[in-house]
Amino acid sequence: MTIVKPLVKFPDEVNIRHRESPEFHEFILSTNPKDVGRVIGKHGRVAQTVRALVYSVHVQDDKRVKLIINDGK
C-alpha cells in the first residue's frame, strides 16, 4: 500500500493480503512489528485515516470493505 510505506521504517516489509468472505472484502495489512505503532498512530488516528480511505473505495458488489491491521499477535 503506497499510503502506508512512507510512514514506516521498513517499507519493504509492508504486505497486504486480500481475503473474501460472504459479507466482506477483507484487506489484511502486515508490517514489521516495530512499525505497527507508526501505522496505528497516536490514539489510532493514522489507522482511522487509512481505514477511511480504504472504505471509500467503490466495490462493484454489495460486500463491505474491511481493513485489518495485523499487529503480529
PDB file of N, CA and C in Angstrom:
ATOM      1  N   MET A   1       0.844  -1.172   0.000  1.00  0.00           N
ATOM      2  CA  MET A   1       0.000   0.000   0.000  1.00  0.00           C
ATOM      3  C   MET A   1       0.886   1.231   0.000  1.00  0.00           C
ATOM      4  N   THR A   2       0.776   2.021  -1.023  1.00  0.00           N
ATOM      5  CA  THR A   2       1.640   3.189  -1.124  1.00  0.00           C
ATOM      6  C   THR A   2       1.307   4.247  -0.082  1.00  0.00           C
ATOM      7  N   ILE A   3       0.160   4.169   0.534  1.00  0.00           N
ATOM      8  CA  ILE A   3      -0.198   5.120   1.594  1.00  0.00           C
ATOM      9  C   ILE A   3       0.599   4.818   2.857  1.00  0.00           C
ATOM     10  N   VAL A   4       0.849   3.567   3.130  1.00  0.00           N
ATOM     11  CA  VAL A   4       1.482   3.147   4.376  1.00  0.00           C
ATOM     12  C   VAL A   4       3.003   3.165   4.286  1.00  0.00           C
ATOM     13  N   LYS A   5       3.559   2.834   3.136  1.00  0.00           N
ATOM     14  CA  LYS A   5       5.013   2.696   3.014  1.00  0.00           C
ATOM     15  C   LYS A   5       5.803   3.927   3.459  1.00  0.00           C
ATOM     16  N   PRO A   6       5.373   5.158   3.154  1.00  0.00           N
ATOM     17  CA  PRO A   6       6.145   6.319   3.630  1.00  0.00           C
ATOM     18  C   PRO A   6       6.120   6.508   5.149  1.00  0.00           C
ATOM     19  N   LEU A   7       5.202   5.858   5.837  1.00  0.00           N
ATOM     20  CA  LEU A   7       5.058   6.032   7.281  1.00  0.00           C
ATOM     21  C   LEU A   7       5.968   5.130   8.100  1.00  0.00           C
ATOM     22  N   VAL A   8       6.487   4.070   7.498  1.00  0.00           N
ATOM     23  CA  VAL A   8       7.193   3.043   8.258  1.00  0.00           C
ATOM     24  C   VAL A   8       8.695   3.080   8.008  1.00  0.00           C
ATOM     25  N   LYS A   9       9.441   2.463   8.917  1.00  0.00           N
ATOM     26  CA  LYS A   9      10.898   2.389   8.776  1.00  0.00           C
ATOM     27  C   LYS A   9      11.325   1.238   7.876  1.00  0.00           C
ATOM     28  N   PHE A  10      10.481   0.232   7.760  1.00  0.00           N
ATOM     29  CA  PHE A  10      10.795  -0.944   6.951  1.00  0.00           C
ATOM     30  C   PHE A  10       9.743  -1.104   5.846  1.00  0.00           C
ATOM     31  N   PRO A  11       9.769  -0.238   4.822  1.00  0.00           N
ATOM     32  CA  PRO A  11       8.721  -0.273   3.792  1.00  0.00           C
ATOM     33  C   PRO A  11       8.702  -1.557   2.971  1.00  0.00           C
ATOM     34  N   ASP A  12       9.831  -2.235   2.872  1.00  0.00           N
ATOM     35  CA  ASP A  12       9.860  -3.480   2.101  1.00  0.00           C
ATOM     36  C   ASP A  12       9.103  -4.608   2.797  1.00  0.00           C
ATOM     37  N   GLU A  13       8.792  -4.431   4.068  1.00  0.00           N
ATOM     38  CA  GLU A  13       8.094  -5.467   4.822  1.00  0.00           C
ATOM     39  C   GLU A  13       6.589  -5.215   4.926  1.00  0.00           C
ATOM     40  N   VAL A  14       6.096  -4.197   4.213  1.00  0.00           N
ATOM     41  CA  VAL A  14       4.656  -3.946   4.178  1.00  0.00           C
ATOM     42  C   VAL A  14       4.032  -4.955   3.216  1.00  0.00           C
ATOM     43  N   ASN A  15       3.012  -5.638   3.695  1.00  0.00           N
ATOM     44  CA  ASN A  15       2.370  -6.675   2.899  1.00  0.00           C
ATOM     45  C   ASN A  15       0.861  -6.556   3.066  1.00  0.00           C
ATOM     46  N   ILE A  16       0.134  -6.682   1.963  1.00  0.00           N
ATOM     47  CA  ILE A  16      -1.321  -6.634   2.015  1.00  0.00           C
ATOM     48  C   ILE A  16      -1.874  -7.886   1.349  1.00  0.00           C
ATOM     49  N   ARG A  17      -2.739  -8.560   2.070  1.00  0.00           N
ATOM     50  CA  ARG A  17      -3.421  -9.732   1.515  1.00  0.00           C
ATOM     51  C   ARG A  17      -4.907  -9.420   1.404  1.00  0.00           C
ATOM     52  N   HIS A  18      -5.549 -10.040   0.446  1.00  0.00           N
ATOM     53  CA  HIS A  18      -6.992  -9.888   0.263  1.00  0.00           C
ATOM     54  C   HIS A  18      -7.662 -11.213   0.580  1.00  0.00           C
ATOM     55  N   ARG A  19      -8.714 -11.136   1.358  1.00  0.00           N
ATOM     56  CA  ARG A  19      -9.497 -12.327   1.696  1.00  0.00           C
ATOM     57  C   ARG A  19     -10.958 -11.953   1.505  1.00  0.00           C
ATOM     58  N   GLU A  20     -11.692 -12.818   0.859  1.00  0.00           N
ATOM     59  CA  GLU A  20     -13.094 -12.535   0.590  1.00  0.00           C
ATOM     60  C   GLU A  20     -13.974 -13.472   1.409  1.00  0.00           C
ATOM     61  N   SER A  21     -14.954 -12.893   2.066  1.00  0.00           N
ATOM     62  CA  SER A  21     -15.927 -13.672   2.822  1.00  0.00           C
ATOM     63  C   SER A  21     -17.312 -13.360   2.242  1.00  0.00           C
ATOM     64  N   PRO A  22     -18.350 -14.032   2.698  1.00  0.00           N
ATOM     65  CA  PRO A  22     -19.680 -13.751   2.146  1.00  0.00           C
ATOM     66  C   PRO A  22     -20.136 -12.301   2.337  1.00  0.00           C
ATOM     67  N   GLU A  23     -19.631 -11.627   3.367  1.00  0.00           N
ATOM     68  CA  GLU A  23     -20.076 -10.260   3.654  1.00  0.00           C
ATOM     69  C   GLU A  23     -19.047  -9.186   3.336  1.00  0.00           C
ATOM     70  N   PHE A  24     -17.755  -9.549   3.316  1.00  0.00           N
ATOM     71  CA  PHE A  24     -16.703  -8.540   3.255  1.00  0.00           C
ATOM     72  C   PHE A  24     -15.636  -8.851   2.212  1.00  0.00           C
ATOM     73  N   HIS A  25     -14.983  -7.791   1.777  1.00  0.00           N
ATOM     74  CA  HIS A  25     -13.671  -7.852   1.154  1.00  0.00           C
ATOM     75  C   HIS A  25     -12.725  -7.423   2.272  1.00  0.00           C
ATOM     76  N   GLU A  26     -11.925  -8.329   2.774  1.00  0.00           N
ATOM     77  CA  GLU A  26     -11.023  -8.026   3.881  1.00  0.00           C
ATOM     78  C   GLU A  26      -9.611  -7.836   3.349  1.00  0.00           C
ATOM     79  N   PHE A  27      -8.999  -6.733   3.739  1.00  0.00           N
ATOM     80  CA  PHE A  27      -7.613  -6.464   3.399  1.00  0.00           C
ATOM     81  C   PHE A  27      -6.813  -6.536   4.692  1.00  0.00           C
ATOM     82  N   ILE A  28      -5.829  -7.419   4.726  1.00  0.00           N
ATOM     83  CA  ILE A  28      -5.015  -7.620   5.923  1.00  0.00           C
ATOM     84  C   ILE A  28      -3.667  -6.963   5.694  1.00  0.00           C
ATOM     85  N   LEU A  29      -3.355  -5.960   6.490  1.00  0.00           N
ATOM     86  CA  LEU A  29      -2.111  -5.204   6.386  1.00  0.00           C
ATOM     87  C   LEU A  29      -1.131  -5.724   7.426  1.00  0.00           C
ATOM     88  N   SER A  30       0.029  -6.170   6.968  1.00  0.00           N
ATOM     89  CA  SER A  30       1.079  -6.653   7.867  1.00  0.00           C
ATOM     90  C   SER A  30       2.325  -5.810   7.663  1.00  0.00           C
ATOM     91  N   THR A  31       3.018  -5.514   8.760  1.00  0.00           N
ATOM     92  CA  THR A  31       4.266  -4.764   8.697  1.00  0.00           C
ATOM     93  C   THR A  31       5.264  -5.404   9.651  1.00  0.00           C
ATOM     94  N   ASN A  32       6.448  -4.861   9.667  1.00  0.00           N
ATOM     95  CA  ASN A  32       7.431  -5.249  10.668  1.00  0.00           C
ATOM     96  C   ASN A  32       6.830  -4.916  12.039  1.00  0.00           C
ATOM     97  N   PRO A  33       6.984  -5.772  13.031  1.00  0.00           N
ATOM     98  CA  PRO A  33       6.411  -5.486  14.357  1.00  0.00           C
ATOM     99  C   PRO A  33       6.842  -4.138  14.938  1.00  0.00           C
ATOM    100  N   LYS A  34       8.014  -3.653  14.569  1.00  0.00           N
ATOM    101  CA  LYS A  34       8.480  -2.354  15.067  1.00  0.00           C
ATOM    102  C   LYS A  34       7.702  -1.194  14.447  1.00  0.00           C
ATOM    103  N   ASP A  35       7.021  -1.428  13.328  1.00  0.00           N
ATOM    104  CA  ASP A  35       6.289  -0.376  12.624  1.00  0.00           C
ATOM    105  C   ASP A  35       4.797  -0.339  12.933  1.00  0.00           C
ATOM    106  N   VAL A  36       4.303  -1.273  13.709  1.00  0.00           N
ATOM    107  CA  VAL A  36       2.867  -1.329  13.977  1.00  0.00           C
ATOM    108  C   VAL A  36       2.391  -0.038  14.640  1.00  0.00           C
ATOM    109  N   GLY A  37       3.147   0.477  15.581  1.00  0.00           N
ATOM    110  CA  GLY A  37       2.779   1.729  16.244  1.00  0.00           C
ATOM    111  C   GLY A  37       2.709   2.899  15.286  1.00  0.00           C
ATOM    112  N   ARG A  38       3.574   2.929  14.307  1.00  0.00           N
ATOM    113  CA  ARG A  38       3.554   4.003  13.311  1.00  0.00           C
ATOM    114  C   ARG A  38       2.310   3.909  12.433  1.00  0.00           C
ATOM    115  N   VAL A  39       1.900   2.695  12.115  1.00  0.00           N
ATOM    116  CA  VAL A  39       0.719   2.504  11.273  1.00  0.00           C
ATOM    117  C   VAL A  39      -0.554   2.834  12.047  1.00  0.00           C
ATOM    118  N   ILE A  40      -0.582   2.518  13.325  1.00  0.00           N
ATOM    119  CA  ILE A  40      -1.763   2.820  14.136  1.00  0.00           C
ATOM    120  C   ILE A  40      -1.797   4.301  14.493  1.00  0.00           C
ATOM    121  N   GLY A  41      -0.656   4.871  14.864  1.00  0.00           N
ATOM    122  CA  GLY A  41      -0.586   6.289  15.183  1.00  0.00           C
ATOM    123  C   GLY A  41      -1.075   6.599  16.584  1.00  0.00           C
ATOM    124  N   LYS A  42      -0.850   7.844  16.983  1.00  0.00           N
ATOM    125  CA  LYS A  42      -1.265   8.294  18.311  1.00  0.00           C
ATOM    126  C   LYS A  42      -2.791   8.298  18.388  1.00  0.00           C
ATOM    127  N   HIS A  43      -3.312   7.607  19.380  1.00  0.00           N
ATOM    128  CA  HIS A  43      -4.756   7.468  19.595  1.00  0.00           C
ATOM    129  C   HIS A  43      -5.461   6.840  18.392  1.00  0.00           C
ATOM    130  N   GLY A  44      -4.722   6.116  17.547  1.00  0.00           N
ATOM    131  CA  GLY A  44      -5.315   5.427  16.403  1.00  0.00           C
ATOM    132  C   GLY A  44      -5.682   6.313  15.233  1.00  0.00           C
ATOM    133  N   ARG A  45      -5.167   7.534  15.217  1.00  0.00           N
ATOM    134  CA  ARG A  45      -5.569   8.482  14.175  1.00  0.00           C
ATOM    135  C   ARG A  45      -5.096   8.080  12.782  1.00  0.00           C
ATOM    136  N   VAL A  46      -3.873   7.574  12.676  1.00  0.00           N
ATOM    137  CA  VAL A  46      -3.373   7.154  11.365  1.00  0.00           C
ATOM    138  C   VAL A  46      -4.200   5.973  10.860  1.00  0.00           C
ATOM    139  N   ALA A  47      -4.463   5.016  11.726  1.00  0.00           N
ATOM    140  CA  ALA A  47      -5.265   3.853  11.334  1.00  0.00           C
ATOM    141  C   ALA A  47      -6.665   4.276  10.899  1.00  0.00           C
ATOM    142  N   GLN A  48      -7.265   5.223  11.593  1.00  0.00           N
ATOM    143  CA  GLN A  48      -8.595   5.709  11.222  1.00  0.00           C
ATOM    144  C   GLN A  48      -8.576   6.348   9.841  1.00  0.00           C
ATOM    145  N   THR A  49      -7.543   7.124   9.556  1.00  0.00           N
ATOM    146  CA  THR A  49      -7.441   7.783   8.259  1.00  0.00           C
ATOM    147  C   THR A  49      -7.243   6.773   7.137  1.00  0.00           C
ATOM    148  N   VAL A  50      -6.359   5.813   7.351  1.00  0.00           N
ATOM    149  CA  VAL A  50      -6.130   4.777   6.334  1.00  0.00           C
ATOM    150  C   VAL A  50      -7.407   3.975   6.121  1.00  0.00           C
ATOM    151  N   ARG A  51      -8.098   3.643   7.188  1.00  0.00           N
ATOM    152  CA  ARG A  51      -9.360   2.904   7.052  1.00  0.00           C
ATOM    153  C   ARG A  51     -10.390   3.723   6.278  1.00  0.00           C
ATOM    154  N   ALA A  52     -10.478   5.016   6.549  1.00  0.00           N
ATOM    155  CA  ALA A  52     -11.429   5.869   5.831  1.00  0.00           C
ATOM    156  C   ALA A  52     -11.138   5.857   4.331  1.00  0.00           C
ATOM    157  N   LEU A  53      -9.865   5.897   3.966  1.00  0.00           N
ATOM    158  CA  LEU A  53      -9.507   5.835   2.547  1.00  0.00           C
ATOM    159  C   LEU A  53      -9.868   4.486   1.936  1.00  0.00           C
ATOM    160  N   VAL A  54      -9.583   3.428   2.649  1.00  0.00           N
ATOM    161  CA  VAL A  54      -9.905   2.086   2.141  1.00  0.00           C
ATOM    162  C   VAL A  54     -11.417   1.920   2.011  1.00  0.00           C
ATOM    163  N   TYR A  55     -12.170   2.380   2.990  1.00  0.00           N
ATOM    164  CA  TYR A  55     -13.620   2.215   2.967  1.00  0.00           C
ATOM    165  C   TYR A  55     -14.279   3.068   1.886  1.00  0.00           C
ATOM    166  N   SER A  56     -13.610   4.122   1.437  1.00  0.00           N
ATOM    167  CA  SER A  56     -14.197   4.988   0.418  1.00  0.00           C
ATOM    168  C   SER A  56     -14.102   4.394  -0.984  1.00  0.00           C
ATOM    169  N   VAL A  57     -13.363   3.307  -1.131  1.00  0.00           N
ATOM    170  CA  VAL A  57     -13.221   2.663  -2.433  1.00  0.00           C
ATOM    171  C   VAL A  57     -14.548   2.024  -2.819  1.00  0.00           C
ATOM    172  N   HIS A  58     -14.948   2.278  -4.040  1.00  0.00           N
ATOM    173  CA  HIS A  58     -16.203   1.707  -4.529  1.00  0.00           C
ATOM    174  C   HIS A  58     -15.987   0.254  -4.930  1.00  0.00           C
ATOM    175  N   VAL A  59     -16.813  -0.609  -4.412  1.00  0.00           N
ATOM    176  CA  VAL A  59     -16.748  -2.031  -4.738  1.00  0.00           C
ATOM    177  C   VAL A  59     -17.957  -2.361  -5.602  1.00  0.00           C
ATOM    178  N   GLN A  60     -17.744  -3.159  -6.632  1.00  0.00           N
ATOM    179  CA  GLN A  60     -18.818  -3.432  -7.586  1.00  0.00           C
ATOM    180  C   GLN A  60     -19.921  -4.323  -7.027  1.00  0.00           C
ATOM    181  N   ASP A  61     -19.598  -5.174  -6.088  1.00  0.00           N
ATOM    182  CA  ASP A  61     -20.649  -5.997  -5.496  1.00  0.00           C
ATOM    183  C   ASP A  61     -21.141  -5.334  -4.208  1.00  0.00           C
ATOM    184  N   ASP A  62     -22.036  -5.982  -3.528  1.00  0.00           N
ATOM    185  CA  ASP A  62     -22.640  -5.391  -2.324  1.00  0.00           C
ATOM    186  C   ASP A  62     -21.860  -5.668  -1.051  1.00  0.00           C
ATOM    187  N   LYS A  63     -20.688  -6.246  -1.169  1.00  0.00           N
ATOM    188  CA  LYS A  63     -19.891  -6.562   0.017  1.00  0.00           C
ATOM    189  C   LYS A  63     -19.241  -5.305   0.580  1.00  0.00           C
ATOM    190  N   ARG A  64     -19.074  -5.306   1.889  1.00  0.00           N
ATOM    191  CA  ARG A  64     -18.404  -4.197   2.552  1.00  0.00           C
ATOM    192  C   ARG A  64     -16.901  -4.442   2.544  1.00  0.00           C
ATOM    193  N   VAL A  65     -16.147  -3.380   2.740  1.00  0.00           N
ATOM    194  CA  VAL A  65     -14.688  -3.456   2.761  1.00  0.00           C
ATOM    195  C   VAL A  65     -14.221  -3.326   4.201  1.00  0.00           C
ATOM    196  N   LYS A  66     -13.245  -4.152   4.573  1.00  0.00           N
ATOM    197  CA  LYS A  66     -12.724  -4.137   5.942  1.00  0.00           C
ATOM    198  C   LYS A  66     -11.199  -4.142   5.872  1.00  0.00           C
ATOM    199  N   LEU A  67     -10.556  -3.297   6.679  1.00  0.00           N
ATOM    200  CA  LEU A  67      -9.101  -3.279   6.788  1.00  0.00           C
ATOM    201  C   LEU A  67      -8.716  -3.824   8.154  1.00  0.00           C
ATOM    202  N   ILE A  68      -7.853  -4.836   8.150  1.00  0.00           N
ATOM    203  CA  ILE A  68      -7.361  -5.434   9.388  1.00  0.00           C
ATOM    204  C   ILE A  68      -5.869  -5.148   9.467  1.00  0.00           C
ATOM    205  N   ILE A  69      -5.437  -4.519  10.552  1.00  0.00           N
ATOM    206  CA  ILE A  69      -4.015  -4.253  10.753  1.00  0.00           C
ATOM    207  C   ILE A  69      -3.481  -5.361  11.643  1.00  0.00           C
ATOM    208  N   ASN A  70      -2.608  -6.176  11.077  1.00  0.00           N
ATOM    209  CA  ASN A  70      -2.043  -7.317  11.792  1.00  0.00           C
ATOM    210  C   ASN A  70      -0.950  -6.805  12.724  1.00  0.00           C
ATOM    211  N   ASP A  71      -1.161  -6.978  14.016  1.00  0.00           N
ATOM    212  CA  ASP A  71      -0.189  -6.485  14.995  1.00  0.00           C
ATOM    213  C   ASP A  71       0.825  -7.542  15.393  1.00  0.00           C
ATOM    214  N   GLY A  72       0.810  -8.686  14.728  1.00  0.00           N
ATOM    215  CA  GLY A  72       1.797  -9.716  14.998  1.00  0.00           C
ATOM    216  C   GLY A  72       1.469 -10.598  16.181  1.00  0.00           C
ATOM    217  N   LYS A  73       0.326 -10.425  16.800  1.00  0.00           N
ATOM    218  CA  LYS A  73      -0.057 -11.242  17.963  1.00  0.00           C
ATOM    219  C   LYS A  73      -0.860 -12.437  17.525  1.00  0.00           C
TER     220      LYS A  73
END
